[in-house]
Protein backbone atom coordinates (compact mmCIF):
# COMPACT_ATOMS: atom_id res chain seq x y z
CA UNK A 1 -3.94 -43.53 28.15
CA UNK A 2 -2.80 -40.42 26.28
CA UNK A 3 0.25 -40.03 28.53
CA UNK A 4 1.41 -43.54 27.55
CA UNK A 5 1.10 -42.68 23.87
CA UNK A 6 3.02 -39.43 24.36
CA UNK A 7 5.78 -41.20 26.31
CA UNK A 8 6.04 -43.91 23.65
CA UNK A 9 6.22 -41.30 20.88
CA UNK A 10 8.93 -39.40 22.76
CA UNK A 11 10.93 -42.61 23.24
CA UNK A 12 10.70 -43.41 19.53
CA UNK A 13 11.80 -39.87 18.63
CA UNK A 14 14.82 -40.11 20.92
CA UNK A 15 15.83 -43.49 19.49
CA UNK A 16 15.44 -42.22 15.93
CA UNK A 17 17.53 -39.10 16.56
CA UNK A 18 20.89 -39.11 14.85
CA UNK A 19 24.08 -38.64 16.90
CA UNK A 20 24.51 -35.14 15.42
CA UNK A 21 21.09 -34.04 16.63
CA UNK A 22 21.82 -35.48 20.08
CA UNK A 23 25.02 -33.44 20.43
CA UNK A 24 23.65 -31.73 23.54
CA UNK A 25 23.92 -35.06 25.35
CA UNK A 26 27.64 -35.49 24.68
CA UNK A 27 29.86 -35.61 27.71
CA UNK A 28 32.43 -34.29 28.12
CA UNK A 29 31.48 -31.31 25.98
CA UNK A 30 33.41 -30.44 22.85
CA UNK A 31 34.42 -32.33 19.74
CA UNK A 32 35.47 -35.95 20.05
CA UNK A 33 38.85 -37.14 18.80
CA UNK A 34 37.09 -38.50 15.71
CA UNK A 35 35.53 -35.09 15.04
CA UNK A 36 38.92 -33.37 15.38
CA UNK A 37 40.28 -35.82 12.82
CA UNK A 38 37.31 -35.17 10.53
CA UNK A 39 37.92 -31.41 10.73
CA UNK A 40 41.56 -31.80 9.72
CA UNK A 41 40.74 -34.32 6.98
CA UNK A 42 38.12 -32.01 5.45
CA UNK A 43 40.51 -29.05 5.70
CA UNK A 44 43.35 -31.01 4.07
CA UNK A 45 41.09 -32.20 1.26
CA UNK A 46 40.04 -28.60 0.59
CA UNK A 47 43.66 -27.40 0.72
CA UNK A 48 44.86 -30.16 -1.61
CA UNK A 49 42.06 -29.41 -4.06
CA UNK A 50 43.00 -25.72 -3.94
CA UNK A 51 46.68 -26.57 -4.55
CA UNK A 52 45.83 -28.85 -7.50
CA UNK A 53 44.08 -25.91 -9.15
CA UNK A 54 47.04 -23.59 -8.42
CA UNK A 55 50.08 -25.39 -9.87
CA UNK A 56 50.41 -27.55 -6.75
CA UNK A 57 51.01 -24.67 -4.37
CA UNK A 58 49.03 -24.04 -1.20
CA UNK A 59 50.30 -20.47 -1.13
CA UNK A 60 52.32 -18.20 -3.41
CA UNK A 61 54.25 -15.11 -2.31
CA UNK A 62 52.72 -15.25 1.16
CA UNK A 63 49.12 -14.96 -0.11
CA UNK A 64 46.99 -17.29 2.02
CA UNK A 65 43.48 -15.77 1.92
CA UNK A 66 42.28 -17.92 -1.02
CA UNK A 67 43.56 -21.06 0.73
CA UNK A 68 41.87 -20.04 3.97
CA UNK A 69 38.61 -19.35 2.12
CA UNK A 70 38.74 -22.74 0.39
CA UNK A 71 39.19 -24.46 3.75
CA UNK A 72 36.47 -22.46 5.46
CA UNK A 73 34.02 -22.99 2.59
CA UNK A 74 34.52 -26.77 2.63
CA UNK A 75 34.15 -26.97 6.42
CA UNK A 76 30.84 -25.12 5.99
CA UNK A 77 29.67 -27.47 3.22
CA UNK A 78 30.42 -30.42 5.51
CA UNK A 79 28.38 -28.92 8.37
CA UNK A 80 31.42 -28.08 10.51
CA UNK A 81 30.39 -24.45 10.98
CA UNK A 82 31.35 -24.47 14.66
CA UNK A 83 35.04 -24.51 13.66
CA UNK A 84 36.85 -21.17 13.73
CA UNK A 85 39.48 -21.04 10.96
CA UNK A 86 42.54 -18.97 11.88
CA UNK A 87 42.69 -15.69 9.98
CA UNK A 88 46.48 -15.86 9.61
CA UNK A 89 48.80 -18.85 9.28
CA UNK A 90 50.74 -20.14 12.27
CA UNK A 91 54.53 -19.97 12.18
CA UNK A 92 54.87 -23.74 12.19
CA UNK A 93 53.20 -27.00 13.22
CA UNK A 94 54.15 -26.61 16.88
CA UNK A 95 52.45 -23.20 17.02
CA UNK A 96 49.38 -24.58 15.23
CA UNK A 97 49.11 -27.38 17.82
CA UNK A 98 48.80 -25.00 20.78
CA UNK A 99 45.66 -25.25 22.94
CA UNK A 100 42.70 -23.15 21.81
CA UNK A 101 41.49 -20.62 24.33
CA UNK A 102 37.84 -21.32 23.57
CA UNK A 103 35.81 -23.36 21.11
CA UNK A 104 37.33 -25.36 18.27
CA UNK A 105 40.01 -23.81 16.08
CA UNK A 106 41.52 -24.98 12.81
CA UNK A 107 45.01 -23.58 12.31
CA UNK A 108 47.29 -23.91 9.32
CA UNK A 109 50.91 -23.21 8.46
CA UNK A 110 52.46 -23.11 5.00
CA UNK A 111 56.10 -23.38 4.05
CA UNK A 112 58.13 -20.47 2.73
CA UNK A 113 57.84 -21.98 -0.75
CA UNK A 114 54.09 -22.62 -0.43
CA UNK A 115 54.34 -26.30 -1.29
CA UNK A 116 53.99 -27.70 2.25
CA UNK A 117 51.15 -27.41 4.74
CA UNK A 118 50.40 -28.24 8.37
CA UNK A 119 46.85 -28.32 9.73
CA UNK A 120 45.73 -28.68 13.35
CA UNK A 121 42.30 -28.78 14.96
CA UNK A 122 42.51 -27.76 18.60
CA UNK A 123 40.25 -27.24 21.58
CA UNK A 124 41.26 -26.15 25.05
CA UNK A 125 42.00 -29.83 25.84
CA UNK A 126 42.79 -31.84 22.68
CA UNK A 127 44.57 -31.44 19.34
CA UNK A 128 44.88 -33.47 16.11
CA UNK A 129 47.12 -32.60 13.16
CA UNK A 130 48.36 -33.39 9.66
CA UNK A 131 51.72 -32.30 8.27
CA UNK A 132 52.67 -32.56 4.60
CA UNK A 133 56.03 -31.43 3.28
CA UNK A 134 57.21 -33.07 0.04
CA UNK A 135 60.80 -32.14 0.92
CA UNK A 136 60.63 -34.24 4.11
CA UNK A 137 58.38 -37.15 3.16
CA UNK A 138 55.97 -38.05 0.37
CA UNK A 139 53.41 -39.16 2.98
CA UNK A 140 51.19 -37.06 5.22
CA UNK A 141 52.38 -37.27 8.81
CA UNK A 142 49.36 -37.77 11.06
CA UNK A 143 49.64 -36.95 14.73
CA UNK A 144 46.64 -38.57 16.46
CA UNK A 145 44.54 -36.68 19.00
CA UNK A 146 46.20 -36.06 22.31
CA UNK A 147 46.13 -33.60 25.15
CA UNK A 148 47.21 -30.24 23.79
CA UNK A 149 50.28 -28.54 25.17
CA UNK A 150 52.37 -31.73 25.04
CA UNK A 151 54.68 -30.50 22.24
């Protein structure tokens, strides 16, 4: 009789578990396309907030550490601590979209003037990115998740 109660309690616990707590059951392993998009969206929101507080510039005179810190801090607040934020900016969007060697990486690139930004979340298989340059387009250009290495 006790084994039936234990099995029933275990079944209820599994059904009540949130998708985040059941991450170990995901297959294939690694972030989903939706999670890659979430990473980039959170990073862009943090970068835009940082720029709003700094005369609408993501970077000035090549200084990117405060921008990087703002992005990393917001990813942490949103529970995305598994994301490794690049320590230095990529040369451009194409470089940011390269496959990650391991884990999940968030890469960023800023324009020479500091008023444009590209962000890409990459794994060893998939990549998702945003690109914003007010000199090219007023809208954010979203490149949906796809196999990395296609650029």
